[in-house]
C-alpha atoms as a PDB file:
ATOM      1  CA  MET A   1    -115.586  80.285-109.418  1.00  0.00           C
ATOM      2  CA  GLN A   2    -113.216  77.593-107.755  1.00  0.00           C
ATOM      3  CA  THR A   3    -110.802  80.340-106.708  1.00  0.00           C
ATOM      4  CA  ASP A   4    -114.081  82.256-105.269  1.00  0.00           C
ATOM      5  CA  ALA A   5    -114.667  79.017-103.372  1.00  0.00           C
ATOM      6  CA  ILE A   6    -111.189  78.742-101.912  1.00  0.00           C
ATOM      7  CA  VAL A   7    -110.907  82.256-100.907  1.00  0.00           C
ATOM      8  CA  ARG A   8    -114.098  82.007 -99.128  1.00  0.00           C
ATOM      9  CA  ALA A   9    -112.904  78.778 -97.257  1.00  0.00           C
ATOM     10  CA  VAL A  10    -109.736  80.287 -95.895  1.00  0.00           C
ATOM     11  CA  ARG A  11    -111.219  83.660 -95.310  1.00  0.00           C
ATOM     12  CA  PRO A  12    -111.675  83.972 -91.539  1.00  0.00           C
ATOM     13  CA  ILE A  13    -115.351  84.397 -90.216  1.00  0.00           C
ATOM     14  CA  PRO A  14    -115.897  87.778 -88.236  1.00  0.00           C
ATOM     15  CA  PRO A  15    -116.466  87.099 -84.673  1.00  0.00           C
ATOM     16  CA  THR A  16    -120.492  87.511 -83.587  1.00  0.00           C
ATOM     17  CA  GLN A  17    -121.072  90.680 -81.774  1.00  0.00           C
ATOM     18  CA  SER A  18    -121.441  90.196 -77.934  1.00  0.00           C
ATOM     19  CA  PHE A  19    -123.800  92.552 -75.914  1.00  0.00           C
ATOM     20  CA  ALA A  20    -122.929  91.089 -72.822  1.00  0.00           C
ATOM     21  CA  ARG A  21    -120.887  93.953 -71.589  1.00  0.00           C
ATOM     22  CA  ALA A  22    -123.556  96.442 -72.784  1.00  0.00           C
ATOM     23  CA  ASN A  23    -126.228  94.337 -70.746  1.00  0.00           C
ATOM     24  CA  GLN A  24    -124.158  94.468 -67.395  1.00  0.00           C
ATOM     25  CA  GLU A  25    -123.901  98.444 -68.031  1.00  0.00           C
ATOM     26  CA  LEU A  26    -127.504  98.631 -68.613  1.00  0.00           C
ATOM     27  CA  ALA A  27    -128.336  96.703 -65.728  1.00  0.00           C
ATOM     28  CA  ALA A  28    -125.925  99.070 -63.500  1.00  0.00           C
ATOM     29  CA  SER A  29    -127.655 101.886 -64.942  1.00  0.00           C
ATOM     30  CA  PHE A  30    -131.074 100.724 -64.061  1.00  0.00           C
ATOM     31  CA  GLU A  31    -130.112 100.079 -60.555  1.00  0.00           C
ATOM     32  CA  ARG A  32    -128.800 103.943 -60.406  1.00  0.00           C
ATOM     33  CA  TYR A  33    -132.312 104.851 -61.806  1.00  0.00           C
ATOM     34  CA  LEU A  34    -133.933 102.958 -58.932  1.00  0.00           C
ATOM     35  CA  ILE A  35    -131.723 104.619 -56.223  1.00  0.00           C
ATOM     36  CA  ALA A  36    -132.583 107.976 -57.590  1.00  0.00           C
ATOM     37  CA  ARG A  37    -136.186 107.267 -57.397  1.00  0.00           C
ATOM     38  CA  GLY A  38    -136.035 106.359 -53.768  1.00  0.00           C
ATOM     39  CA  THR A  39    -136.905 102.531 -54.280  1.00  0.00           C
ATOM     40  CA  SER A  40    -136.554 100.660 -51.171  1.00  0.00           C
ATOM     41  CA  LEU A  41    -133.258  98.337 -50.790  1.00  0.00           C
ATOM     42  CA  ASN A  42    -135.471  95.422 -50.699  1.00  0.00           C
ATOM     43  CA  THR A  43    -137.053  96.279 -54.028  1.00  0.00           C
ATOM     44  CA  ARG A  44    -133.675  97.292 -55.589  1.00  0.00           C
ATOM     45  CA  ILE A  45    -132.276  93.529 -54.722  1.00  0.00           C
ATOM     46  CA  ALA A  46    -135.153  91.845 -55.994  1.00  0.00           C
ATOM     47  CA  TYR A  47    -135.100  93.704 -59.342  1.00  0.00           C
ATOM     48  CA  ALA A  48    -131.356  93.308 -59.717  1.00  0.00           C
ATOM     49  CA  GLU A  49    -131.664  89.534 -59.224  1.00  0.00           C
ATOM     50  CA  THR A  50    -134.264  89.529 -61.933  1.00  0.00           C
ATOM     51  CA  VAL A  51    -132.678  91.548 -64.260  1.00  0.00           C
ATOM     52  CA  SER A  52    -129.324  89.407 -63.689  1.00  0.00           C
ATOM     53  CA  SER A  53    -131.238  86.344 -64.397  1.00  0.00           C
ATOM     54  CA  LEU A  54    -132.627  87.735 -67.835  1.00  0.00           C
ATOM     55  CA  ILE A  55    -129.298  88.954 -68.957  1.00  0.00           C
ATOM     56  CA  GLU A  56    -127.674  85.636 -68.328  1.00  0.00           C
ATOM     57  CA  MET A  57    -130.201  83.920 -70.124  1.00  0.00           C
ATOM     58  CA  LEU A  58    -129.815  86.305 -73.079  1.00  0.00           C
ATOM     59  CA  ASP A  59    -125.920  85.663 -72.870  1.00  0.00           C
ATOM     60  CA  SER A  60    -124.663  87.810 -75.778  1.00  0.00           C
ATOM     61  CA  GLN A  61    -127.834  88.897 -77.327  1.00  0.00           C
ATOM     62  CA  SER A  62    -128.666  92.482 -76.737  1.00  0.00           C
ATOM     63  CA  VAL A  63    -131.330  92.958 -73.875  1.00  0.00           C
ATOM     64  CA  ALA A  64    -132.305  96.341 -75.635  1.00  0.00           C
ATOM     65  CA  GLY A  65    -133.019  94.375 -78.937  1.00  0.00           C
ATOM     66  CA  ALA A  66    -134.978  91.644 -77.170  1.00  0.00           C
ATOM     67  CA  ASP A  67    -138.605  90.711 -78.359  1.00  0.00           C
ATOM     68  CA  ARG A  68    -141.579  89.610 -76.554  1.00  0.00           C
ATOM     69  CA  SER A  69    -140.736  86.027 -77.369  1.00  0.00           C
ATOM     70  CA  VAL A  70    -137.668  86.266 -75.075  1.00  0.00           C
ATOM     71  CA  ILE A  71    -139.618  87.366 -72.253  1.00  0.00           C
ATOM     72  CA  ARG A  72    -142.092  84.635 -72.551  1.00  0.00           C
ATOM     73  CA  GLN A  73    -139.320  82.305 -72.581  1.00  0.00           C
ATOM     74  CA  PHE A  74    -137.815  83.688 -69.543  1.00  0.00           C
ATOM     75  CA  LEU A  75    -141.147  83.460 -67.555  1.00  0.00           C
ATOM     76  CA  GLY A  76    -141.496  79.974 -68.941  1.00  0.00           C
ATOM     77  CA  THR A  77    -138.296  79.114 -67.182  1.00  0.00           C
ATOM     78  CA  LEU A  78    -139.598  80.648 -64.032  1.00  0.00           C
ATOM     79  CA  CYS A  79    -142.899  78.299 -64.291  1.00  0.00           C
ATOM     80  CA  ASP A  80    -140.668  75.319 -65.160  1.00  0.00           C
ATOM     81  CA  ARG A  81    -138.700  75.954 -61.750  1.00  0.00           C
ATOM     82  CA  GLY A  82    -141.984  75.681 -59.933  1.00  0.00           C
ATOM     83  CA  LEU A  83    -142.000  79.221 -58.778  1.00  0.00           C
ATOM     84  CA  SER A  84    -145.579  80.353 -57.234  1.00  0.00           C
ATOM     85  CA  PRO A  85    -147.699  82.898 -59.070  1.00  0.00           C
ATOM     86  CA  HIS A  86    -146.807  85.482 -56.685  1.00  0.00           C
ATOM     87  CA  SER A  87    -142.960  85.110 -57.315  1.00  0.00           C
ATOM     88  CA  ILE A  88    -143.721  85.225 -61.041  1.00  0.00           C
ATOM     89  CA  ASN A  89    -145.553  88.203 -60.826  1.00  0.00           C
ATOM     90  CA  ARG A  90    -142.595  89.869 -58.566  1.00  0.00           C
ATOM     91  CA  HIS A  91    -140.365  89.136 -61.467  1.00  0.00           C
ATOM     92  CA  THR A  92    -142.601  90.124 -64.143  1.00  0.00           C
ATOM     93  CA  TYR A  93    -142.919  93.804 -62.341  1.00  0.00           C
ATOM     94  CA  ALA A  94    -139.247  93.869 -62.313  1.00  0.00           C
ATOM     95  CA  ILE A  95    -139.043  93.233 -66.246  1.00  0.00           C
ATOM     96  CA  ARG A  96    -141.505  95.593 -66.742  1.00  0.00           C
ATOM     97  CA  SER A  97    -139.957  98.439 -64.888  1.00  0.00           C
ATOM     98  CA  PHE A  98    -136.604  97.319 -66.689  1.00  0.00           C
ATOM     99  CA  PHE A  99    -137.904  97.446 -69.887  1.00  0.00           C
ATOM    100  CA  LYS A 100    -139.788 100.890 -69.296  1.00  0.00           C
ATOM    101  CA  PHE A 101    -136.052 102.373 -68.022  1.00  0.00           C
ATOM    102  CA  ILE A 102    -134.808 101.236 -71.376  1.00  0.00           C
ATOM    103  CA  ARG A 103    -137.431 102.994 -73.186  1.00  0.00           C
ATOM    104  CA  LEU A 104    -136.734 106.282 -71.177  1.00  0.00           C
ATOM    105  CA  THR A 105    -133.314 106.042 -72.035  1.00  0.00           C
ATOM    106  CA  GLY A 106    -134.117 106.405 -75.665  1.00  0.00           C
ATOM    107  CA  ILE A 107    -131.891 103.154 -76.803  1.00  0.00           C
ATOM    108  CA  THR A 108    -134.834 101.589 -78.259  1.00  0.00           C
ATOM    109  CA  CYS A 109    -137.858 103.519 -79.634  1.00  0.00           C
ATOM    110  CA  GLY A 110    -139.773 100.235 -80.389  1.00  0.00           C
ATOM    111  CA  HIS A 111    -143.044  99.147 -79.007  1.00  0.00           C
ATOM    112  CA  ASN A 112    -143.499  98.317 -75.409  1.00  0.00           C
ATOM    113  CA  LEU A 113    -142.550  94.663 -74.792  1.00  0.00           C
ATOM    114  CA  MET A 114    -144.461  94.433 -71.842  1.00  0.00           C
ATOM    115  CA  LEU A 115    -147.580  95.698 -73.109  1.00  0.00           C
ATOM    116  CA  MET A 116    -150.593  93.364 -72.883  1.00  0.00           C
ATOM    117  CA  MET A 117    -148.116  91.003 -70.933  1.00  0.00           C
ATOM    118  CA  PRO A 118    -150.309  89.436 -68.261  1.00  0.00           C
ATOM    119  CA  TYR A 119    -149.830  88.793 -64.729  1.00  0.00           C
ATOM    120  CA  ARG A 120    -150.553  85.196 -63.055  1.00  0.00           C
ATOM    121  CA  LYS A 121    -153.734  84.957 -61.266  1.00  0.00           C
ATOM    122  CA  LEU A 122    -153.396  84.644 -57.841  1.00  0.00           C
ATOM    123  CA  PRO A 123    -155.366  82.456 -55.428  1.00  0.00           C
ATOM    124  CA  HIS A 124    -157.554  84.419 -53.139  1.00  0.00           C
ATOM    125  CA  ARG A 125    -156.360  83.913 -49.562  1.00  0.00           C
ATOM    126  CA  VAL A 126    -157.788  85.321 -46.450  1.00  0.00           C
ATOM    127  CA  PRO A 127    -154.815  86.505 -44.092  1.00  0.00           C
ATOM    128  CA  ARG A 128    -154.743  84.620 -40.840  1.00  0.00           C
ATOM    129  CA  VAL A 129    -154.270  86.868 -37.905  1.00  0.00           C
ATOM    130  CA  PRO A 130    -152.795  85.563 -34.758  1.00  0.00           C
ATOM    131  CA  THR A 131    -155.083  85.839 -31.595  1.00  0.00           C
ATOM    132  CA  VAL A 132    -154.196  87.798 -28.642  1.00  0.00           C
ATOM    133  CA  ALA A 133    -153.937  84.529 -26.732  1.00  0.00           C
ATOM    134  CA  GLU A 134    -151.156  83.444 -29.387  1.00  0.00           C
ATOM    135  CA  ILE A 135    -149.500  86.788 -29.306  1.00  0.00           C
ATOM    136  CA  GLU A 136    -149.232  86.588 -25.404  1.00  0.00           C
ATOM    137  CA  ARG A 137    -147.891  83.139 -25.581  1.00  0.00           C
ATOM    138  CA  LEU A 138    -145.267  83.961 -28.020  1.00  0.00           C
ATOM    139  CA  ILE A 139    -144.055  86.748 -25.869  1.00  0.00           C
ATOM    140  CA  ASP A 140    -144.106  84.461 -22.634  1.00  0.00           C
ATOM    141  CA  ALA A 141    -141.909  82.010 -24.622  1.00  0.00           C
ATOM    142  CA  ALA A 142    -139.279  84.793 -25.112  1.00  0.00           C
ATOM    143  CA  LYS A 143    -135.922  83.977 -23.360  1.00  0.00           C
ATOM    144  CA  THR A 144    -134.211  87.195 -23.724  1.00  0.00           C
ATOM    145  CA  PRO A 145    -134.696  90.943 -23.604  1.00  0.00           C
ATOM    146  CA  LEU A 146    -134.277  90.990 -27.156  1.00  0.00           C
ATOM    147  CA  GLU A 147    -136.757  88.258 -28.075  1.00  0.00           C
ATOM    148  CA  ARG A 148    -139.176  89.806 -25.741  1.00  0.00           C
ATOM    149  CA  ALA A 149    -138.629  93.626 -27.254  1.00  0.00           C
ATOM    150  CA  THR A 150    -138.835  92.120 -30.887  1.00  0.00           C
ATOM    151  CA  VAL A 151    -142.240  90.626 -30.598  1.00  0.00           C
ATOM    152  CA  GLN A 152    -143.684  93.337 -28.292  1.00  0.00           C
ATOM    153  CA  VAL A 153    -142.561  96.163 -30.740  1.00  0.00           C
ATOM    154  CA  LEU A 154    -143.832  94.358 -33.862  1.00  0.00           C
ATOM    155  CA  TYR A 155    -147.091  93.648 -32.015  1.00  0.00           C
ATOM    156  CA  SER A 156    -147.585  97.171 -30.800  1.00  0.00           C
ATOM    157  CA  THR A 157    -146.361  99.190 -33.940  1.00  0.00           C
ATOM    158  CA  GLY A 158    -147.488  96.782 -36.710  1.00  0.00           C
ATOM    159  CA  CYS A 159    -144.190  97.587 -38.501  1.00  0.00           C
ATOM    160  CA  ARG A 160    -142.714  95.298 -41.010  1.00  0.00           C
ATOM    161  CA  VAL A 161    -139.485  93.148 -39.974  1.00  0.00           C
ATOM    162  CA  SER A 162    -137.332  95.190 -42.375  1.00  0.00           C
ATOM    163  CA  GLU A 163    -138.679  98.314 -40.807  1.00  0.00           C
ATOM    164  CA  LEU A 164    -137.992  96.871 -37.223  1.00  0.00           C
ATOM    165  CA  THR A 165    -134.339  96.335 -38.186  1.00  0.00           C
ATOM    166  CA  ARG A 166    -133.600 100.080 -39.045  1.00  0.00           C
ATOM    167  CA  LEU A 167    -135.016 101.335 -36.063  1.00  0.00           C
ATOM    168  CA  ARG A 168    -132.757 104.042 -34.408  1.00  0.00           C
ATOM    169  CA  LEU A 169    -133.142 105.110 -30.628  1.00  0.00           C
ATOM    170  CA  ASP A 170    -133.536 108.726 -31.817  1.00  0.00           C
ATOM    171  CA  ASP A 171    -136.806 107.385 -33.901  1.00  0.00           C
ATOM    172  CA  ILE A 172    -138.433 106.862 -30.332  1.00  0.00           C
ATOM    173  CA  ASP A 173    -139.910 109.682 -28.478  1.00  0.00           C
ATOM    174  CA  PHE A 174    -140.486 109.048 -25.003  1.00  0.00           C
ATOM    175  CA  SER A 175    -141.055 112.729 -24.042  1.00  0.00           C
ATOM    176  CA  LYS A 176    -144.664 112.223 -22.956  1.00  0.00           C
ATOM    177  CA  SER A 177    -145.081 111.090 -19.098  1.00  0.00           C
ATOM    178  CA  GLU A 178    -147.659 108.489 -20.187  1.00  0.00           C
ATOM    179  CA  ALA A 179    -148.377 106.119 -23.076  1.00  0.00           C
ATOM    180  CA  PRO A 180    -148.905 105.969 -26.030  1.00  0.00           C
ATOM    181  CA  TRP A 181    -145.779 107.075 -27.242  1.00  0.00           C
ATOM    182  CA  THR A 182    -144.542 107.366 -30.682  1.00  0.00           C
ATOM    183  CA  VAL A 183    -142.138 105.666 -33.119  1.00  0.00           C
ATOM    184  CA  ARG A 184    -141.256 106.994 -36.515  1.00  0.00           C
ATOM    185  CA  ILE A 185    -140.702 104.421 -39.079  1.00  0.00           C
ATOM    186  CA  ARG A 186    -138.326 105.918 -41.630  1.00  0.00           C
ATOM    187  CA  LYS A 187    -138.434 104.870 -45.602  1.00  0.00           C
ATOM    188  CA  GLY A 188    -141.142 102.539 -44.968  1.00  0.00           C
ATOM    189  CA  LYS A 189    -143.389 101.256 -47.605  1.00  0.00           C
ATOM    190  CA  GLY A 190    -143.195 103.500 -50.687  1.00  0.00           C
ATOM    191  CA  GLY A 191    -140.031 105.103 -49.077  1.00  0.00           C
ATOM    192  CA  LYS A 192    -142.028 107.345 -47.057  1.00  0.00           C
ATOM    193  CA  ASP A 193    -141.883 108.012 -43.133  1.00  0.00           C
ATOM    194  CA  ARG A 194    -144.574 107.282 -40.931  1.00  0.00           C
ATOM    195  CA  VAL A 195    -145.612 107.648 -37.204  1.00  0.00           C
ATOM    196  CA  VAL A 196    -146.684 105.063 -35.279  1.00  0.00           C
ATOM    197  CA  LEU A 197    -147.962 104.461 -31.562  1.00  0.00           C
ATOM    198  CA  ILE A 198    -146.251 102.410 -28.821  1.00  0.00           C
ATOM    199  CA  GLY A 199    -147.893 101.006 -25.915  1.00  0.00           C
ATOM    200  CA  LYS A 200    -146.704 100.946 -22.214  1.00  0.00           C
ATOM    201  CA  PHE A 201    -145.633  96.846 -22.427  1.00  0.00           C
ATOM    202  CA  ALA A 202    -143.576  97.335 -25.465  1.00  0.00           C
ATOM    203  CA  ALA A 203    -141.845 100.652 -24.094  1.00  0.00           C
ATOM    204  CA  ALA A 204    -141.049  98.626 -21.232  1.00  0.00           C
ATOM    205  CA  ALA A 205    -139.514  95.885 -23.243  1.00  0.00           C
ATOM    206  CA  ILE A 206    -137.506  98.482 -24.938  1.00  0.00           C
ATOM    207  CA  ARG A 207    -136.140  99.914 -21.748  1.00  0.00           C
ATOM    208  CA  ARG A 208    -135.257  96.592 -20.297  1.00  0.00           C
ATOM    209  CA  LEU A 209    -133.427  95.559 -23.617  1.00  0.00           C
ATOM    210  CA  LEU A 210    -131.452  98.822 -23.524  1.00  0.00           C
ATOM    211  CA  ASP A 211    -130.611  98.353 -19.909  1.00  0.00           C
ATOM    212  CA  PHE A 212    -129.455  94.796 -20.720  1.00  0.00           C
ATOM    213  CA  TYR A 213    -127.576  95.583 -23.869  1.00  0.00           C
ATOM    214  CA  PRO A 214    -126.817  99.196 -24.563  1.00  0.00           C
ATOM    215  CA  SER A 215    -126.903  99.964 -28.149  1.00  0.00           C
ATOM    216  CA  LYS A 216    -123.607 101.129 -29.538  1.00  0.00           C
ATOM    217  CA  THR A 217    -124.348 102.077 -32.902  1.00  0.00           C
ATOM    218  CA  GLY A 218    -127.675 104.007 -32.110  1.00  0.00           C
ATOM    219  CA  LEU A 219    -129.677 100.804 -33.654  1.00  0.00           C
ATOM    220  CA  LEU A 220    -132.193  99.931 -31.414  1.00  0.00           C
ATOM    221  CA  PHE A 221    -132.083  96.044 -32.325  1.00  0.00           C
ATOM    222  CA  GLU A 222    -128.704  95.196 -32.484  1.00  0.00           C
ATOM    223  CA  ALA A 223    -127.535  91.529 -32.605  1.00  0.00           C
ATOM    224  CA  PRO A 224    -125.725  90.862 -29.274  1.00  0.00           C
ATOM    225  CA  ASN A 225    -122.928  88.144 -29.309  1.00  0.00           C
ATOM    226  CA  VAL A 226    -124.478  86.289 -26.410  1.00  0.00           C
ATOM    227  CA  VAL A 227    -128.061  87.096 -24.727  1.00  0.00           C
ATOM    228  CA  ARG A 228    -129.028  84.658 -22.215  1.00  0.00           C
ATOM    229  CA  ALA A 229    -130.710  86.461 -19.173  1.00  0.00           C
ATOM    230  CA  ARG A 230    -134.207  87.428 -18.996  1.00  0.00           C
END
């Protein structure tokens, strides 16, 4: 008995298995899965940040072997950080998609961890729409052709800022002699293309922008080094 105790005392303790590398590889595979599905860049970045934070919290534990208490703990840390319900729901969407992917890989055949996992209740807010007078003041406040064209195109087309930054010259169709002209928004919401109308004031602002600062890459809105003139 005494000998057995001595052997146990000197026998090296086997190292605990770490799943940190496997977790990182799974996260990378998840990002490739999102790309294959045509998920937008902004969504992929947001989901990757959430998954990275979850993996960081797990440390050496296996994310594929996590249970629901881990998800609750992770979401609890977000609440402790004072994140808004909208932000917490965004992280919840990301985790739901990640664990759905894990189940699709066949790594785990257990129950869905996100089943019945509630979302945060969002406060009802009526969106505030700027008045025409406010938009006109914003346009009049523009100090450069770039600023004026930015506001005019956003106002005329109703596109998102992320869509605006991706607009290319060949997306604009000025073939008609009169307004309205058309602009093709590529890879918009849901990764789909759509066509929107553009009015004469926005078209004039675009032409003035190109006269003042010709595009070198084909993008409509390039950031010039110095833009001063009206």
